[in-house]
Amino acid sequence: MQTSYLGQLLVNKKIITPEQSAAALNKQKSTGQLLGVVLLELGFVDEQKVFFPILAEQCGIPYLDLNNFIIPRGVIEKIPAKLALHYKIIPVSLDKNHLVIATADPLNIQILDEIAAEADCPIKAVLSTEKDILEAIRKFYGVGAETIEKMMGSAQPTKQPEQLVSRLDDPGSEATISRFLNQILMEAYQSRATDIHIEPYEDELKIRYRIDGVLHNAKIPQDIKHFKDSIVSRIKVLSNLNIAERRTPQDGRFKVRAENIDLDLRVSFLPTQFGEGLVLRILNTAKLYSLEDLGLRPDEKTILETLIKKQHGIIFLTGPTGSGKTTTLYSCLSKINTEDHKILTIEDPIEYQLKGIMQIQINPGVGLTFAKGLRSMLRHDPDIMMIGEVRDTETAQIAVQIALTGHLVFSTLHTNDAASGVARLLDMGVEPYLITSTVECFIAQRLIRVICPHCKQISKEPLEGFKDQAEGKPVIIYEGKGCEKCSHTGFFGRQAIYEFLLIDDHIRKLVLERTSAERIREAAIINGMKTLLHSGWEKVKAGITTPQEILRVASQDKID
């Protein structure tokens, strides 16, 4: 194959200019690289859409786009994962008695001969990009498949050396449980997962990632089930937990480094019928929090900024676990974290470290509860305090007393909406007059998935009958088609929707009368409170999310 001919072919097809061809040839002479590689590095051609199809035409072999190609399990099993990864090839189909493989180097006869000997059948090559081949290997063999194959080749699965993981992307580690765990953690991080679920069953080990609030199965080799005890032991070692204790739950944490970012992993073990299940929560310790990143509407941002500037009172965030309450609290604290303020927090657990803020981790084992910690914190002359969660009567009453003495307090409650926060405090035994004297606002929130910007399109099934009340025009509904960037889910990232129940004079009167949460909610809506569903519908009209996503997280609400 003449390299100059490739340049002329691309010029004839008007893909590059003669000047670009000359520049590439000059660079090729100095570097010795293939002309195709030089053209790609210079950005003169598109690898997938232009260059490789033309290269395949020149070489006289077919080009295969692996992005949406499904490879049968029987074909994959023809070539071991370690061989596929080593040569950067993948078997794609059977053509009579020939095995068809995708490769980025179809003219390398030595590699083709070695693969033919391994498969014990003749080989046919098709051209694909190296990037697509590596992604297909991960997809069809499973993450860490070559590592598991090497360990299966050993006499028996063994527990691995007890050393701390320092970097997830270290290519030098050998085939060990440590390496496999690194590969799982790295894939989860790159997939934007917030949690990793490792679940043992009778005949398999399942690994799932929670991405944008939804669980997705990780593609892993079936033989990983033989190493489930070793994986559990390895993570216990990293977390400084008792590896011999398998009968009771254990919690721990450890740190790793991925792509120059420190990740803090919280680990929870739970004994089950077929072994210990565990969940790893991935926390980015370098993450910065700001009100601008929360997805607040302009009017909501104005309300929140006004609330956090108050000198005293309580601001409650409400919602179920995983609704982003802690993120909102941290963003509020970061906004008011100045040199003239002393801020103390008491949390369980401390999820992120905030510079300039003193944070306390509760420890019931030594008697450090929320209530006891709060009493001691008052003696440290704070201006602002954050209580991770009000769980019991004692903590609620102390929080009220702290607010009454001139402190600004942030905390959370587990309730479905803002108005139910009043009912929860009353149930805890807090007197109505104390609630009306201290609580400034109950803020309910949920997290909704954002339409992927890379595959966003107008929905093919628009909602009939929905119009913008302000203008009377039909609302354009968007959706995500699904692409590689969003793992074909149509969503990429999350934002919050909010419901602000401000404690004004009318609401105070209802609280003093011990009115039900439903009546308080109705009165607040009449006075202009935007519900979670209304907040979500604004996101739909802005093209940020889909109606189905709003109904998924706020289906108990109604649009008036």
Protein backbone atom coordinates (compact mmCIF):
# COMPACT_ATOMS: atom_id res chain seq x y z
CA MET A 1 0.00 0.00 0.00
CA GLN A 2 1.55 3.32 -1.10
CA THR A 3 1.08 6.03 1.54
CA SER A 4 1.25 8.79 -1.08
CA TYR A 5 -1.62 7.09 -2.90
CA LEU A 6 -3.81 7.42 0.21
CA GLY A 7 -3.20 11.16 0.29
CA GLN A 8 -4.03 11.49 -3.42
CA LEU A 9 -7.18 9.39 -2.97
CA LEU A 10 -8.40 11.69 -0.18
CA VAL A 11 -7.63 14.75 -2.33
CA ASN A 12 -9.52 13.28 -5.30
CA LYS A 13 -12.56 12.71 -3.06
CA LYS A 14 -12.24 16.33 -1.82
CA ILE A 15 -11.91 15.17 1.78
CA ILE A 16 -8.61 17.03 2.21
CA THR A 17 -6.97 19.79 0.20
CA PRO A 18 -3.70 19.40 -1.72
CA GLU A 19 -2.09 21.74 0.82
CA GLN A 20 -3.21 19.49 3.71
CA SER A 21 -1.88 16.43 1.86
CA ALA A 22 1.50 18.13 1.38
CA ALA A 23 1.65 19.17 5.05
CA ALA A 24 0.86 15.62 6.15
CA LEU A 25 3.51 14.13 3.84
CA ASN A 26 6.14 16.56 5.20
CA LYS A 27 5.31 15.59 8.78
CA GLN A 28 5.37 11.90 7.82
CA LYS A 29 8.92 12.25 6.51
CA SER A 30 10.11 13.68 9.84
CA THR A 31 8.19 11.32 12.14
CA GLY A 32 8.17 8.10 10.14
CA GLN A 33 4.54 7.51 11.05
CA LEU A 34 1.94 6.10 8.67
CA LEU A 35 0.30 8.81 6.60
CA GLY A 36 -3.12 7.85 7.96
CA VAL A 37 -1.95 8.36 11.55
CA VAL A 38 -0.49 11.77 10.64
CA LEU A 39 -3.74 12.87 8.96
CA LEU A 40 -5.71 11.88 12.05
CA GLU A 41 -3.31 13.66 14.43
CA LEU A 42 -3.50 16.84 12.37
CA GLY A 43 -7.29 16.68 12.45
CA PHE A 44 -7.60 16.72 8.66
CA VAL A 45 -9.93 13.69 8.53
CA ASP A 46 -12.67 12.19 10.72
CA GLU A 47 -11.63 8.76 11.93
CA GLN A 48 -14.98 6.94 11.91
CA LYS A 49 -17.06 8.66 9.26
CA VAL A 50 -14.41 9.35 6.62
CA PHE A 51 -10.93 7.98 7.12
CA PHE A 52 -11.55 4.34 8.00
CA PRO A 53 -14.21 3.69 5.32
CA ILE A 54 -11.82 5.09 2.70
CA LEU A 55 -8.90 3.11 4.11
CA ALA A 56 -11.03 -0.04 3.97
CA GLU A 57 -11.87 0.71 0.35
CA GLN A 58 -8.18 1.15 -0.44
CA CYS A 59 -7.22 -2.08 1.31
CA GLY A 60 -10.02 -3.98 -0.37
CA ILE A 61 -11.63 -5.16 2.87
CA PRO A 62 -15.03 -4.27 4.43
CA TYR A 63 -15.39 -1.55 7.08
CA LEU A 64 -17.53 -2.38 10.12
CA ASP A 65 -19.00 0.21 12.50
CA LEU A 66 -19.13 -1.59 15.86
CA ASN A 67 -21.19 1.03 17.68
CA ASN A 68 -24.56 -0.66 17.19
CA PHE A 69 -23.29 -4.11 16.23
CA ILE A 70 -24.44 -7.09 18.32
CA ILE A 71 -21.96 -9.96 18.62
CA PRO A 72 -23.40 -13.42 19.51
CA ARG A 73 -22.09 -15.06 22.68
CA GLY A 74 -20.92 -18.12 20.71
CA VAL A 75 -18.71 -15.93 18.52
CA ILE A 76 -17.18 -14.06 21.47
CA GLU A 77 -16.18 -17.34 23.09
CA LYS A 78 -13.99 -18.22 20.08
CA ILE A 79 -11.24 -15.84 21.26
CA PRO A 80 -10.12 -15.38 24.90
CA ALA A 81 -10.48 -11.89 26.34
CA LYS A 82 -6.76 -11.59 27.11
CA LEU A 83 -5.88 -12.32 23.45
CA ALA A 84 -8.50 -9.89 22.14
CA LEU A 85 -7.20 -7.13 24.40
CA HIS A 86 -3.55 -7.88 23.66
CA TYR A 87 -3.98 -7.68 19.88
CA LYS A 88 -6.85 -5.14 20.01
CA ILE A 89 -9.16 -7.33 17.94
CA ILE A 90 -12.61 -8.76 18.51
CA PRO A 91 -14.46 -11.64 16.79
CA VAL A 92 -17.71 -10.35 15.26
CA SER A 93 -19.33 -13.19 13.28
CA LEU A 94 -18.97 -16.57 11.60
CA ASP A 95 -18.94 -16.72 7.80
CA LYS A 96 -19.35 -20.39 6.91
CA ASN A 97 -16.12 -21.93 8.23
CA HIS A 98 -14.34 -18.59 8.67
CA LEU A 99 -14.18 -16.46 11.85
CA VAL A 100 -14.59 -12.77 11.05
CA ILE A 101 -12.57 -10.46 13.29
CA ALA A 102 -12.53 -6.67 13.51
CA THR A 103 -9.07 -5.08 13.63
CA ALA A 104 -7.49 -1.67 13.13
CA ASP A 105 -4.48 -3.30 11.45
CA PRO A 106 -5.86 -5.76 8.84
CA LEU A 107 -2.55 -6.03 6.96
CA ASN A 108 -0.62 -7.48 9.91
CA ILE A 109 -0.38 -11.09 8.70
CA GLN A 110 1.48 -12.29 11.81
CA ILE A 111 -1.38 -11.28 14.13
CA LEU A 112 -3.97 -12.86 11.83
CA ASP A 113 -2.01 -16.13 11.76
CA GLU A 114 -1.72 -16.25 15.57
CA ILE A 115 -5.46 -15.63 15.97
CA ALA A 116 -6.26 -18.30 13.40
CA ALA A 117 -4.13 -20.78 15.34
CA GLU A 118 -5.93 -19.87 18.61
CA ALA A 119 -9.39 -20.15 17.02
CA ASP A 120 -8.41 -23.28 15.05
CA CYS A 121 -10.20 -22.00 11.93
CA PRO A 122 -9.53 -19.65 8.99
CA ILE A 123 -9.78 -15.90 9.63
CA LYS A 124 -11.38 -13.06 7.69
CA ALA A 125 -10.58 -9.47 8.72
CA VAL A 126 -12.78 -6.39 8.66
CA LEU A 127 -11.59 -2.89 9.49
CA SER A 128 -12.78 -0.98 12.59
CA THR A 129 -11.37 1.83 14.68
CA GLU A 130 -9.22 0.88 17.69
CA LYS A 131 -11.46 2.96 19.94
CA ASP A 132 -14.58 1.05 18.84
CA ILE A 133 -12.78 -2.29 19.21
CA LEU A 134 -11.70 -1.54 22.81
CA GLU A 135 -15.22 -0.39 23.69
CA ALA A 136 -16.68 -3.59 22.15
CA ILE A 137 -14.21 -5.72 24.16
CA ARG A 138 -15.41 -4.04 27.37
CA LYS A 139 -19.05 -4.37 26.32
CA PHE A 140 -19.10 -8.00 25.20
CA TYR A 141 -16.39 -9.60 27.33
CA GLY A 142 -17.15 -7.54 30.42
CA VAL A 143 -14.99 -5.16 32.43
CA GLY A 144 -11.87 -6.88 33.74
CA ALA A 145 -12.49 -10.04 31.70
CA GLU A 146 -8.82 -10.57 30.85
CA THR A 147 -7.93 -10.21 34.55
CA ILE A 148 -10.47 -12.84 35.55
CA GLU A 149 -9.25 -15.19 32.78
CA LYS A 150 -5.68 -14.97 34.07
CA MET A 151 -6.77 -15.64 37.64
CA MET A 152 -8.91 -18.58 36.51
CA GLY A 153 -5.79 -19.99 34.92
CA SER A 154 -4.18 -20.18 38.35
CA ALA A 155 -4.46 -23.31 40.47
CA GLN A 156 -7.23 -21.75 42.59
CA PRO A 157 -8.66 -18.37 43.43
CA THR A 158 -6.60 -16.87 46.21
CA LYS A 159 -6.82 -13.83 48.41
CA GLN A 160 -4.64 -11.01 47.23
CA PRO A 161 -1.89 -9.00 48.94
CA GLU A 162 -3.23 -6.47 51.42
CA GLN A 163 -2.02 -3.23 49.87
CA LEU A 164 -3.79 0.09 49.48
CA VAL A 165 -5.11 1.09 46.07
CA SER A 166 -3.29 4.30 45.14
CA ARG A 167 -4.33 4.84 41.51
CA LEU A 168 -7.15 3.24 39.59
CA ASP A 169 -5.53 3.82 36.20
CA ASP A 170 -2.21 2.12 36.97
CA PRO A 171 -1.47 -0.17 33.97
CA GLY A 172 1.37 -1.96 35.70
CA SER A 173 -0.58 -4.11 38.15
CA GLU A 174 -0.86 -7.82 37.44
CA ALA A 175 -3.93 -10.05 37.23
CA THR A 176 -5.22 -9.82 40.79
CA ILE A 177 -8.41 -9.01 42.62
CA SER A 178 -6.86 -5.58 43.21
CA ARG A 179 -6.56 -4.99 39.47
CA PHE A 180 -10.12 -6.18 38.81
CA LEU A 181 -11.45 -3.93 41.57
CA ASN A 182 -9.50 -1.01 40.09
CA GLN A 183 -11.11 -1.68 36.71
CA ILE A 184 -14.61 -1.75 38.23
CA LEU A 185 -14.03 1.48 40.17
CA MET A 186 -12.56 3.23 37.13
CA GLU A 187 -15.47 2.21 34.89
CA ALA A 188 -17.97 3.36 37.53
CA TYR A 189 -16.20 6.72 37.86
CA GLN A 190 -16.03 7.25 34.10
CA SER A 191 -19.72 6.32 33.81
CA ARG A 192 -20.59 9.03 36.39
CA ALA A 193 -21.93 6.42 38.82
CA THR A 194 -22.69 7.54 42.36
CA ASP A 195 -22.99 4.02 43.80
CA ILE A 196 -21.67 0.53 43.03
CA HIS A 197 -23.86 -2.40 44.14
CA ILE A 198 -22.12 -5.78 44.48
CA GLU A 199 -24.78 -8.45 45.04
CA PRO A 200 -24.13 -12.20 45.58
CA TYR A 201 -26.70 -14.75 44.44
CA GLU A 202 -26.72 -18.54 44.39
CA ASP A 203 -25.14 -18.95 40.95
CA GLU A 204 -23.85 -15.49 40.05
CA LEU A 205 -22.34 -12.25 41.28
CA LYS A 206 -24.12 -9.15 40.02
CA ILE A 207 -22.57 -5.67 39.87
CA ARG A 208 -24.73 -2.63 39.22
CA TYR A 209 -24.01 1.09 38.91
CA ARG A 210 -26.41 3.85 39.95
CA ILE A 211 -26.13 6.51 37.26
CA ASP A 212 -28.29 9.63 37.42
CA GLY A 213 -30.35 7.94 40.13
CA VAL A 214 -31.14 4.76 38.14
CA LEU A 215 -29.45 1.35 38.48
CA HIS A 216 -27.75 -0.21 35.44
CA ASN A 217 -26.18 -3.67 35.20
CA ALA A 218 -22.42 -3.67 34.71
CA LYS A 219 -21.13 -6.01 32.04
CA ILE A 220 -18.83 -8.44 33.86
CA PRO A 221 -17.49 -11.94 33.07
CA GLN A 222 -19.52 -14.83 34.48
CA ASP A 223 -16.46 -16.36 36.13
CA ILE A 224 -16.30 -13.47 38.59
CA LYS A 225 -18.70 -15.45 40.80
CA HIS A 226 -15.74 -17.64 41.83
CA PHE A 227 -13.99 -14.63 43.36
CA LYS A 228 -16.82 -12.98 45.29
CA ASP A 229 -15.29 -13.79 48.69
CA SER A 230 -11.92 -12.41 47.57
CA ILE A 231 -13.56 -9.19 46.37
CA VAL A 232 -15.32 -8.75 49.72
CA SER A 233 -12.10 -9.41 51.65
CA ARG A 234 -10.13 -6.99 49.47
CA ILE A 235 -12.58 -4.15 50.05
CA LYS A 236 -12.62 -4.89 53.80
CA VAL A 237 -8.85 -4.64 53.89
CA LEU A 238 -8.96 -1.26 52.12
CA SER A 239 -11.64 -0.08 54.57
CA ASN A 240 -9.75 -1.31 57.68
CA LEU A 241 -12.61 -3.66 58.60
CA ASN A 242 -12.60 -7.13 60.13
CA ILE A 243 -12.27 -9.60 57.23
CA ALA A 244 -13.17 -12.55 59.48
CA GLU A 245 -16.54 -11.06 60.51
CA ARG A 246 -19.21 -12.10 58.03
CA ARG A 247 -22.28 -12.34 60.29
CA THR A 248 -23.00 -8.69 61.08
CA PRO A 249 -23.16 -5.50 58.98
CA GLN A 250 -20.02 -3.38 58.77
CA ASP A 251 -19.42 0.15 57.48
CA GLY A 252 -16.16 1.75 56.42
CA ARG A 253 -14.50 3.98 53.87
CA PHE A 254 -11.31 4.30 51.83
CA LYS A 255 -9.80 6.66 49.27
CA VAL A 256 -8.53 6.15 45.74
CA ARG A 257 -7.22 8.44 43.02
CA ALA A 258 -8.65 8.47 39.51
CA GLU A 259 -7.50 10.79 36.73
CA ASN A 260 -5.88 13.13 39.28
CA ILE A 261 -9.09 13.40 41.32
CA ASP A 262 -9.36 12.03 44.86
CA LEU A 263 -12.42 9.85 45.38
CA ASP A 264 -13.77 8.98 48.82
CA LEU A 265 -15.64 5.67 48.89
CA ARG A 266 -18.10 4.87 51.66
CA VAL A 267 -18.65 1.13 52.00
CA SER A 268 -21.49 -0.77 53.65
CA PHE A 269 -21.51 -4.59 54.03
CA LEU A 270 -24.67 -6.60 54.65
CA PRO A 271 -24.76 -10.38 55.32
CA THR A 272 -27.16 -12.18 52.97
CA GLN A 273 -28.15 -15.77 52.24
CA PHE A 274 -25.41 -16.28 49.64
CA GLY A 275 -22.66 -14.10 51.07
CA GLU A 276 -22.04 -10.47 51.89
CA GLY A 277 -23.58 -7.84 49.69
CA LEU A 278 -22.05 -4.40 49.63
CA VAL A 279 -22.63 -0.90 48.32
CA LEU A 280 -19.87 1.61 47.60
CA ARG A 281 -20.89 5.29 47.52
CA ILE A 282 -18.49 7.33 45.35
CA LEU A 283 -17.82 10.84 46.65
CA ASN A 284 -15.71 13.35 44.75
CA THR A 285 -13.74 15.15 47.46
CA ALA A 286 -12.65 17.89 45.05
CA LYS A 287 -16.19 18.82 44.03
CA LEU A 288 -17.11 22.49 44.44
CA TYR A 289 -20.63 23.50 45.42
CA SER A 290 -22.47 26.62 44.32
CA LEU A 291 -26.08 27.75 44.13
CA GLU A 292 -25.63 28.25 40.38
CA ASP A 293 -25.16 24.50 39.87
CA LEU A 294 -28.37 23.45 41.63
CA GLY A 295 -30.73 24.21 38.74
CA LEU A 296 -32.73 26.84 40.65
CA ARG A 297 -35.12 29.07 38.73
CA PRO A 298 -34.34 32.80 39.12
CA ASP A 299 -37.23 33.32 41.58
CA GLU A 300 -36.18 30.25 43.60
CA LYS A 301 -32.58 31.42 43.73
CA THR A 302 -33.69 34.82 45.00
CA ILE A 303 -35.76 33.20 47.78
CA LEU A 304 -32.90 30.93 48.84
CA GLU A 305 -30.32 33.72 48.82
CA THR A 306 -32.62 35.79 51.02
CA LEU A 307 -33.12 32.90 53.45
CA ILE A 308 -29.42 32.10 53.92
CA LYS A 309 -28.63 35.74 54.69
CA LYS A 310 -30.85 35.71 57.78
CA GLN A 311 -29.15 36.06 61.16
CA HIS A 312 -31.21 33.37 62.92
CA GLY A 313 -33.88 30.74 62.32
CA ILE A 314 -34.06 27.23 60.85
CA ILE A 315 -34.12 26.22 57.20
CA PHE A 316 -35.23 22.62 56.67
CA LEU A 317 -34.54 20.60 53.52
CA THR A 318 -37.02 17.75 53.10
CA GLY A 319 -37.15 14.73 50.83
CA PRO A 320 -36.30 11.03 50.69
CA THR A 321 -32.79 9.58 50.76
CA GLY A 322 -30.91 10.39 47.57
CA SER A 323 -32.89 13.54 46.71
CA GLY A 324 -29.84 15.82 46.92
CA LYS A 325 -30.59 17.50 50.26
CA THR A 326 -26.95 17.35 51.42
CA THR A 327 -25.71 18.88 48.16
CA THR A 328 -28.12 21.80 48.55
CA LEU A 329 -27.05 22.30 52.18
CA TYR A 330 -23.35 22.29 51.24
CA SER A 331 -24.04 24.80 48.45
CA CYS A 332 -25.79 27.11 50.93
CA LEU A 333 -22.91 26.84 53.41
CA SER A 334 -20.33 27.48 50.69
CA LYS A 335 -22.20 30.65 49.69
CA ILE A 336 -22.09 32.12 53.22
CA ASN A 337 -18.71 30.70 54.22
CA THR A 338 -16.78 33.93 54.86
CA GLU A 339 -14.08 34.94 57.33
CA ASP A 340 -16.56 36.77 59.57
CA HIS A 341 -18.69 33.65 60.07
CA LYS A 342 -17.91 30.58 62.15
CA ILE A 343 -19.73 27.56 60.75
CA LEU A 344 -19.99 24.18 62.51
CA THR A 345 -21.65 21.04 61.17
CA ILE A 346 -22.54 17.72 62.76
CA GLU A 347 -23.18 14.94 60.26
CA ASP A 348 -23.64 11.20 59.83
CA PRO A 349 -21.57 10.68 57.81
CA ILE A 350 -19.44 13.61 56.64
CA GLU A 351 -19.84 13.21 52.87
CA TYR A 352 -17.59 16.03 51.67
CA GLN A 353 -14.93 18.15 53.32
CA LEU A 354 -15.67 21.87 53.19
CA LYS A 355 -12.66 24.16 53.55
CA GLY A 356 -13.01 26.69 56.34
CA ILE A 357 -15.87 24.83 58.03
CA MET A 358 -15.46 22.67 61.13
CA GLN A 359 -17.27 19.36 60.59
CA ILE A 360 -18.08 16.77 63.25
CA GLN A 361 -18.83 13.09 62.61
CA ILE A 362 -21.27 11.55 65.10
CA ASN A 363 -20.13 8.37 66.84
CA PRO A 364 -22.89 6.69 68.88
CA GLY A 365 -20.41 4.01 69.97
CA VAL A 366 -18.65 6.52 72.21
CA GLY A 367 -21.78 8.50 73.06
CA LEU A 368 -21.36 11.28 70.48
CA THR A 369 -24.93 11.69 69.21
CA PHE A 370 -26.50 14.61 67.40
CA ALA A 371 -27.98 15.90 70.66
CA LYS A 372 -24.76 15.66 72.69
CA GLY A 373 -22.68 17.10 69.87
CA LEU A 374 -25.03 20.07 69.47
CA ARG A 375 -24.74 20.98 73.15
CA SER A 376 -20.94 21.03 72.91
CA MET A 377 -20.95 22.93 69.62
CA LEU A 378 -22.82 25.83 71.23
CA ARG A 379 -19.85 26.41 73.55
CA HIS A 380 -17.66 27.08 70.48
CA ASP A 381 -19.44 30.35 69.67
CA PRO A 382 -20.76 29.46 66.17
CA ASP A 383 -22.73 31.82 63.93
CA ILE A 384 -24.16 29.13 61.68
CA MET A 385 -24.76 25.44 62.35
CA MET A 386 -25.75 22.53 60.16
CA ILE A 387 -27.39 19.41 61.57
CA GLY A 388 -27.15 16.51 59.13
CA GLU A 389 -30.63 15.26 60.01
CA VAL A 390 -33.26 15.82 62.71
CA ARG A 391 -34.15 12.23 63.62
CA ASP A 392 -35.59 12.40 67.13
CA THR A 393 -37.39 14.64 69.61
CA GLU A 394 -34.27 15.60 71.56
CA THR A 395 -32.39 16.77 68.47
CA ALA A 396 -35.43 18.69 67.21
CA GLN A 397 -35.89 20.50 70.51
CA ILE A 398 -32.20 21.43 70.76
CA ALA A 399 -32.24 22.73 67.17
CA VAL A 400 -35.20 24.97 68.06
CA GLN A 401 -33.43 26.27 71.17
CA ILE A 402 -30.30 27.01 69.14
CA ALA A 403 -32.34 29.06 66.65
CA LEU A 404 -34.08 30.92 69.49
CA THR A 405 -30.70 32.01 70.88
CA GLY A 406 -29.78 33.83 67.66
CA HIS A 407 -28.17 31.20 65.42
CA LEU A 408 -28.90 30.27 61.81
CA VAL A 409 -29.50 26.51 61.55
CA PHE A 410 -29.67 24.27 58.48
CA SER A 411 -30.98 20.72 58.69
CA THR A 412 -32.97 18.00 56.91
CA LEU A 413 -36.14 16.00 57.50
CA HIS A 414 -37.36 12.87 55.74
CA THR A 415 -40.80 13.93 54.45
CA ASN A 416 -42.48 13.71 51.05
CA ASP A 417 -43.26 17.41 50.70
CA ALA A 418 -42.61 20.73 52.40
CA ALA A 419 -45.87 20.94 54.34
CA SER A 420 -45.31 17.52 55.88
CA GLY A 421 -42.25 18.98 57.63
CA VAL A 422 -44.61 20.80 60.00
CA ALA A 423 -46.44 17.57 60.81
CA ARG A 424 -43.16 15.76 61.42
CA LEU A 425 -41.99 18.34 63.97
CA LEU A 426 -45.37 18.26 65.72
CA ASP A 427 -45.16 14.46 65.88
CA MET A 428 -41.73 14.80 67.50
CA GLY A 429 -43.29 16.87 70.27
CA VAL A 430 -42.12 20.33 69.21
CA GLU A 431 -44.69 22.91 70.32
CA PRO A 432 -46.43 24.86 67.52
CA TYR A 433 -45.34 28.24 68.92
CA LEU A 434 -41.70 27.11 68.80
CA ILE A 435 -42.07 26.06 65.15
CA THR A 436 -43.59 29.40 64.16
CA SER A 437 -40.93 31.29 66.14
CA THR A 438 -37.90 29.57 64.62
CA VAL A 439 -38.57 27.88 61.25
CA GLU A 440 -38.13 30.21 58.28
CA CYS A 441 -38.82 27.77 55.47
CA PHE A 442 -39.36 24.13 54.56
CA ILE A 443 -37.81 23.28 51.19
CA ALA A 444 -38.81 20.02 49.52
CA GLN A 445 -36.67 18.76 46.66
CA ARG A 446 -36.20 15.91 44.20
CA LEU A 447 -33.55 15.13 41.60
CA ILE A 448 -34.60 14.81 37.96
CA ARG A 449 -32.52 13.54 35.07
CA VAL A 450 -31.47 16.05 32.40
CA ILE A 451 -31.91 15.30 28.70
CA CYS A 452 -28.58 14.42 27.11
CA PRO A 453 -27.38 17.48 25.13
CA HIS A 454 -25.56 15.25 22.64
CA CYS A 455 -28.71 13.46 21.37
CA LYS A 456 -31.47 15.90 22.32
CA GLN A 457 -34.35 16.05 19.84
CA ILE A 458 -37.99 17.11 19.65
CA SER A 459 -40.18 14.33 21.01
CA LYS A 460 -41.98 12.20 18.45
CA GLU A 461 -44.87 11.82 20.89
CA PRO A 462 -45.70 15.35 22.12
CA LEU A 463 -48.18 15.68 24.96
CA GLU A 464 -51.55 16.74 23.59
CA GLY A 465 -53.50 19.43 25.40
CA PHE A 466 -50.60 20.98 27.31
CA LYS A 467 -50.08 24.67 26.62
CA ASP A 468 -48.06 27.43 28.19
CA GLN A 469 -50.61 29.16 30.41
CA ALA A 470 -48.90 32.52 29.94
CA GLU A 471 -49.05 32.53 26.14
CA GLY A 472 -51.55 29.82 25.29
CA LYS A 473 -49.09 28.15 22.90
CA PRO A 474 -48.44 24.40 22.61
CA VAL A 475 -45.35 23.35 24.52
CA ILE A 476 -42.52 21.75 22.55
CA ILE A 477 -41.45 18.55 24.30
CA TYR A 478 -37.88 17.28 23.99
CA GLU A 479 -36.34 13.88 24.59
CA GLY A 480 -32.97 12.15 24.33
CA LYS A 481 -32.59 9.75 21.43
CA GLY A 482 -29.83 7.82 23.20
CA CYS A 483 -26.13 7.87 22.30
CA GLU A 484 -22.71 6.72 23.52
CA LYS A 485 -22.29 9.78 25.74
CA CYS A 486 -25.38 8.91 27.81
CA SER A 487 -25.03 5.11 27.51
CA HIS A 488 -28.16 5.14 25.32
CA THR A 489 -30.39 6.30 28.19
CA GLY A 490 -31.23 9.71 26.73
CA PHE A 491 -30.21 11.43 29.98
CA PHE A 492 -26.95 12.98 31.13
CA GLY A 493 -26.66 14.50 34.61
CA ARG A 494 -29.28 15.68 37.09
CA GLN A 495 -30.85 18.86 38.43
CA ALA A 496 -33.13 19.50 41.38
CA ILE A 497 -36.74 20.65 41.46
CA TYR A 498 -37.90 22.54 44.53
CA GLU A 499 -40.93 23.43 46.61
CA PHE A 500 -40.51 26.42 48.99
CA LEU A 501 -42.95 26.65 51.91
CA LEU A 502 -42.21 30.04 53.48
CA ILE A 503 -43.54 30.44 57.01
CA ASP A 504 -45.51 33.69 56.67
CA ASP A 505 -48.22 35.04 58.99
CA HIS A 506 -50.98 32.98 57.35
CA ILE A 507 -49.01 29.74 57.62
CA ARG A 508 -48.03 30.56 61.21
CA LYS A 509 -51.71 30.84 62.15
CA LEU A 510 -52.44 27.43 60.64
CA VAL A 511 -49.47 25.86 62.46
CA LEU A 512 -50.60 27.30 65.79
CA GLU A 513 -54.00 25.71 65.16
CA ARG A 514 -52.27 22.36 64.51
CA THR A 515 -53.81 22.28 61.05
CA SER A 516 -53.14 19.18 58.92
CA ALA A 517 -50.28 19.15 56.42
CA GLU A 518 -52.76 18.89 53.54
CA ARG A 519 -54.57 22.10 54.55
CA ILE A 520 -51.27 23.92 55.04
CA ARG A 521 -50.19 22.79 51.59
CA GLU A 522 -53.44 23.95 50.00
CA ALA A 523 -53.18 27.35 51.69
CA ALA A 524 -49.57 27.75 50.56
CA ILE A 525 -50.50 26.96 46.96
CA ILE A 526 -53.27 29.58 47.06
CA ASN A 527 -50.68 32.07 48.33
CA GLY A 528 -48.39 31.30 45.38
CA MET A 529 -46.23 28.33 46.40
CA LYS A 530 -44.94 26.40 43.40
CA THR A 531 -45.18 22.65 44.01
CA LEU A 532 -42.56 20.08 42.99
CA LEU A 533 -44.63 19.21 39.93
CA HIS A 534 -44.98 22.85 38.91
CA SER A 535 -41.22 23.30 39.31
CA GLY A 536 -40.70 20.19 37.21
CA TRP A 537 -43.10 21.36 34.52
CA GLU A 538 -41.04 24.55 34.18
CA LYS A 539 -38.04 22.31 33.46
CA VAL A 540 -40.06 20.49 30.78
CA LYS A 541 -41.06 23.77 29.10
CA ALA A 542 -37.41 24.86 29.17
CA GLY A 543 -36.39 21.65 27.36
CA ILE A 544 -34.31 20.43 30.31
CA THR A 545 -36.15 17.17 31.01
CA THR A 546 -39.13 15.06 29.94
CA PRO A 547 -42.70 14.89 31.31
CA GLN A 548 -42.20 11.20 32.08
CA GLU A 549 -39.17 12.01 34.26
CA ILE A 550 -41.14 14.60 36.25
CA LEU A 551 -44.01 12.18 36.80
CA ARG A 552 -41.52 9.54 37.93
CA VAL A 553 -40.24 11.65 40.82
CA ALA A 554 -43.30 13.77 41.65
CA SER A 555 -46.26 11.61 40.63
CA GLN A 556 -48.12 12.24 43.90
CA ASP A 557 -48.61 15.87 42.94
CA LYS A 558 -51.22 17.37 40.63
CA ILE A 559 -51.04 20.20 38.12
CA ASP A 560 -53.84 22.67 38.79
